[in-house]
Amino acid sequence: MASVAEGKIFGLGSTWPGLAKRLRTSTYNNMQSRFHIVTLAFDRVFDLHRCHGSEGTPKHTLFSFEALSGRQFGVTILDHPRVEDGMHVTAVLRKEDDWQTLMGWVDRDNGQLVPNTSYALGNALLPLGFLGWLAFDLAHPDESSKHYVFDAFAGLFGLGLLWQFVSSFLADRRVMQLLRSIRADLQR
């Protein structure tokens, strides 16, 4: 089965005019430098492993594949989506031609969205815990707990963790918007 490699970067040689036009709008301008779109067929899938989640590790699938563009080893995708020989996908990669940075794909055969992101709201508990502890400590000072320097570092650390969570969450949302946009163009 022949593989297809098209539209590597948004708006640059994309074979979907509607998608290229929509990606040039202000909504997606900031995404053009961050994500790359690749469409191909998995000519051969091998080393397929369905891993069940354990403490701190979500369930995921590890696989390698061969396509017209070459072989890719050790690709990871969350959950257990359909991965088989001959399937066609349009993938979103964080770095060009680096499948280790896979953000998700649209299965071109059935239109299924397969995000490789997780909206883990539990990740917000750590920074919010730091900030809550800091607020409590500052609201209830006593003579033995005047650790202003430590409180300042804890507050900055908590804000840094919160910033990382929020920026990751927003990036995940942008990837989902992009995948939905790709799927909408496929259904036209």
Protein backbone atom coordinates (compact mmCIF):
# COMPACT_ATOMS: atom_id res chain seq x y z
CA MET A 1 0.00 0.00 0.00
CA ALA A 2 1.41 3.38 -0.95
CA SER A 3 2.07 5.90 1.77
CA VAL A 4 1.30 9.57 1.58
CA ALA A 5 3.44 12.32 3.07
CA GLU A 6 1.76 15.70 2.72
CA GLY A 7 1.52 19.12 4.28
CA LYS A 8 4.43 19.01 6.72
CA ILE A 9 3.95 22.48 8.20
CA PHE A 10 0.76 24.55 8.56
CA GLY A 11 0.01 26.62 5.54
CA LEU A 12 3.17 25.54 3.70
CA GLY A 13 2.24 23.15 0.94
CA SER A 14 -0.78 21.81 2.76
CA THR A 15 -3.01 19.80 0.45
CA TRP A 16 -6.16 20.98 2.22
CA PRO A 17 -6.90 24.54 1.09
CA GLY A 18 -9.62 25.06 3.71
CA LEU A 19 -7.32 23.96 6.50
CA ALA A 20 -4.42 26.06 5.25
CA LYS A 21 -6.67 29.11 5.01
CA ARG A 22 -8.12 28.59 8.50
CA LEU A 23 -4.67 28.03 10.01
CA ARG A 24 -3.51 31.38 8.66
CA THR A 25 -6.12 33.19 10.75
CA SER A 26 -5.17 34.86 14.00
CA THR A 27 -6.51 31.94 16.05
CA TYR A 28 -3.79 29.62 14.77
CA ASN A 29 -0.95 32.00 13.94
CA ASN A 30 0.89 31.21 17.16
CA MET A 31 0.55 27.48 16.49
CA GLN A 32 2.32 27.54 13.15
CA SER A 33 5.74 27.69 14.74
CA ARG A 34 4.96 25.03 17.35
CA PHE A 35 3.21 22.13 15.64
CA HIS A 36 3.73 20.22 12.40
CA ILE A 37 1.09 18.27 10.50
CA VAL A 38 2.07 15.01 8.81
CA THR A 39 -0.27 12.72 6.88
CA LEU A 40 0.85 9.20 6.17
CA ALA A 41 -0.10 5.54 6.10
CA PHE A 42 1.35 3.02 8.50
CA ASP A 43 2.59 0.50 5.92
CA ARG A 44 3.76 -1.85 8.66
CA VAL A 45 3.17 -1.63 12.40
CA PHE A 46 5.44 -3.65 14.66
CA ASP A 47 6.46 -3.87 18.33
CA LEU A 48 2.90 -3.03 19.37
CA HIS A 49 2.46 -3.08 23.16
CA ARG A 50 -0.72 -2.11 25.03
CA CYS A 51 0.38 -1.00 28.50
CA HIS A 52 -2.11 -0.79 31.34
CA GLY A 53 -1.81 2.14 33.70
CA SER A 54 -0.26 1.86 37.11
CA GLU A 55 0.62 4.36 39.81
CA GLY A 56 1.43 7.63 38.08
CA THR A 57 1.41 6.12 34.58
CA PRO A 58 -1.72 6.31 32.43
CA LYS A 59 -2.62 3.45 30.11
CA HIS A 60 -0.85 3.89 26.80
CA THR A 61 0.24 2.16 23.62
CA LEU A 62 3.83 1.77 22.44
CA PHE A 63 4.48 0.91 18.81
CA SER A 64 6.88 1.27 15.92
CA PHE A 65 5.95 1.68 12.29
CA GLU A 66 7.30 1.79 8.79
CA ALA A 67 6.01 4.27 6.21
CA LEU A 68 7.16 5.80 2.96
CA SER A 69 9.11 8.39 4.98
CA GLY A 70 11.05 5.69 6.87
CA ARG A 71 10.90 3.81 10.15
CA GLN A 72 9.90 5.29 13.48
CA PHE A 73 10.60 3.43 16.72
CA GLY A 74 9.09 3.69 20.19
CA VAL A 75 6.11 5.92 19.46
CA THR A 76 3.85 6.43 22.48
CA ILE A 77 0.16 7.35 22.41
CA LEU A 78 -2.20 7.56 25.38
CA ASP A 79 -4.97 4.99 25.78
CA HIS A 80 -5.40 2.04 23.42
CA PRO A 81 -6.46 3.45 20.03
CA ARG A 82 -6.63 1.49 16.80
CA VAL A 83 -3.09 1.01 15.45
CA GLU A 84 -2.73 -1.37 12.52
CA ASP A 85 -1.10 -1.93 9.16
CA GLY A 86 -2.47 0.24 6.37
CA MET A 87 -4.24 2.82 8.50
CA HIS A 88 -4.01 6.47 7.43
CA VAL A 89 -3.46 9.21 10.01
CA THR A 90 -2.94 12.95 10.05
CA ALA A 91 -0.63 13.51 13.01
CA VAL A 92 0.29 16.64 14.95
CA LEU A 93 3.95 16.69 16.01
CA ARG A 94 5.60 19.23 18.26
CA LYS A 95 8.88 18.92 16.30
CA GLU A 96 9.14 18.22 12.61
CA ASP A 97 9.66 14.52 11.77
CA ASP A 98 10.07 13.65 15.48
CA TRP A 99 7.42 11.10 16.41
CA GLN A 100 8.59 11.17 20.02
CA THR A 101 6.82 14.56 20.17
CA LEU A 102 3.46 13.20 18.93
CA MET A 103 0.60 15.36 20.22
CA GLY A 104 -2.20 13.32 18.66
CA TRP A 105 -3.70 12.25 15.36
CA VAL A 106 -6.90 12.00 13.39
CA ASP A 107 -7.62 8.53 12.03
CA ARG A 108 -8.44 9.33 8.39
CA ASP A 109 -10.26 6.02 7.92
CA ASN A 110 -12.95 6.62 10.56
CA GLY A 111 -12.45 10.25 11.73
CA GLN A 112 -11.54 9.28 15.30
CA LEU A 113 -9.60 11.87 17.31
CA VAL A 114 -6.68 10.36 19.20
CA PRO A 115 -5.16 13.01 21.46
CA ASN A 116 -1.85 12.33 23.16
CA THR A 117 -2.56 14.84 25.89
CA SER A 118 -4.27 14.50 29.23
CA TYR A 119 -6.21 17.14 31.06
CA ALA A 120 -4.84 16.03 34.41
CA LEU A 121 -6.45 18.55 36.72
CA GLY A 122 -4.79 16.72 39.60
CA ASN A 123 -1.53 18.30 38.44
CA ALA A 124 -2.90 21.63 39.65
CA LEU A 125 -3.13 20.38 43.23
CA LEU A 126 0.60 20.74 43.92
CA PRO A 127 0.94 24.42 42.96
CA LEU A 128 -2.39 25.26 44.57
CA GLY A 129 -1.27 23.45 47.71
CA PHE A 130 1.91 25.52 47.85
CA LEU A 131 -0.02 28.74 47.36
CA GLY A 132 -2.64 27.72 49.94
CA TRP A 133 0.04 26.89 52.49
CA LEU A 134 1.70 30.23 51.83
CA ALA A 135 -1.59 32.13 52.25
CA PHE A 136 -2.34 30.30 55.51
CA ASP A 137 1.16 30.96 56.83
CA LEU A 138 0.96 34.66 56.00
CA ALA A 139 -2.58 35.01 57.39
CA HIS A 140 -1.72 33.35 60.72
CA PRO A 141 1.75 34.57 61.68
CA ASP A 142 3.17 33.85 65.07
CA GLU A 143 6.61 34.61 66.46
CA SER A 144 8.04 31.19 65.56
CA SER A 145 6.90 31.19 61.92
CA LYS A 146 8.44 34.36 60.51
CA HIS A 147 10.10 32.65 57.57
CA TYR A 148 9.56 35.42 55.06
CA VAL A 149 12.42 34.39 52.78
CA PHE A 150 11.27 30.77 52.76
CA ASP A 151 7.66 31.91 52.19
CA ALA A 152 8.76 34.06 49.27
CA PHE A 153 10.62 31.14 47.64
CA ALA A 154 7.69 28.78 48.29
CA GLY A 155 5.31 31.30 46.76
CA LEU A 156 7.48 31.74 43.65
CA PHE A 157 7.84 27.97 43.34
CA GLY A 158 4.06 27.53 43.61
CA LEU A 159 3.45 30.25 41.02
CA GLY A 160 5.99 28.64 38.69
CA LEU A 161 4.27 25.26 38.98
CA LEU A 162 0.89 26.87 38.42
CA TRP A 163 2.23 28.68 35.33
CA GLN A 164 3.57 25.39 33.95
CA PHE A 165 0.22 23.68 34.53
CA VAL A 166 -1.78 26.50 32.90
CA SER A 167 0.53 26.75 29.86
CA SER A 168 0.44 22.95 29.41
CA PHE A 169 -3.34 22.94 29.73
CA LEU A 170 -3.68 25.70 27.12
CA ALA A 171 -1.31 23.90 24.72
CA ASP A 172 -3.39 20.72 25.11
CA ARG A 173 -6.53 22.72 24.28
CA ARG A 174 -4.88 24.14 21.15
CA VAL A 175 -3.94 20.63 20.01
CA MET A 176 -7.54 19.46 20.48
CA GLN A 177 -8.80 22.47 18.49
CA LEU A 178 -6.35 21.65 15.73
CA LEU A 179 -7.36 17.97 15.65
CA ARG A 180 -11.04 18.94 15.48
CA SER A 181 -10.25 21.35 12.65
CA ILE A 182 -8.43 18.61 10.71
CA ARG A 183 -11.33 16.21 11.24
CA ALA A 184 -13.84 18.86 10.09
CA ASP A 185 -11.86 19.34 6.89
CA LEU A 186 -11.79 15.58 6.31
CA GLN A 187 -15.57 15.37 6.61
CA ARG A 188 -16.15 18.00 3.91
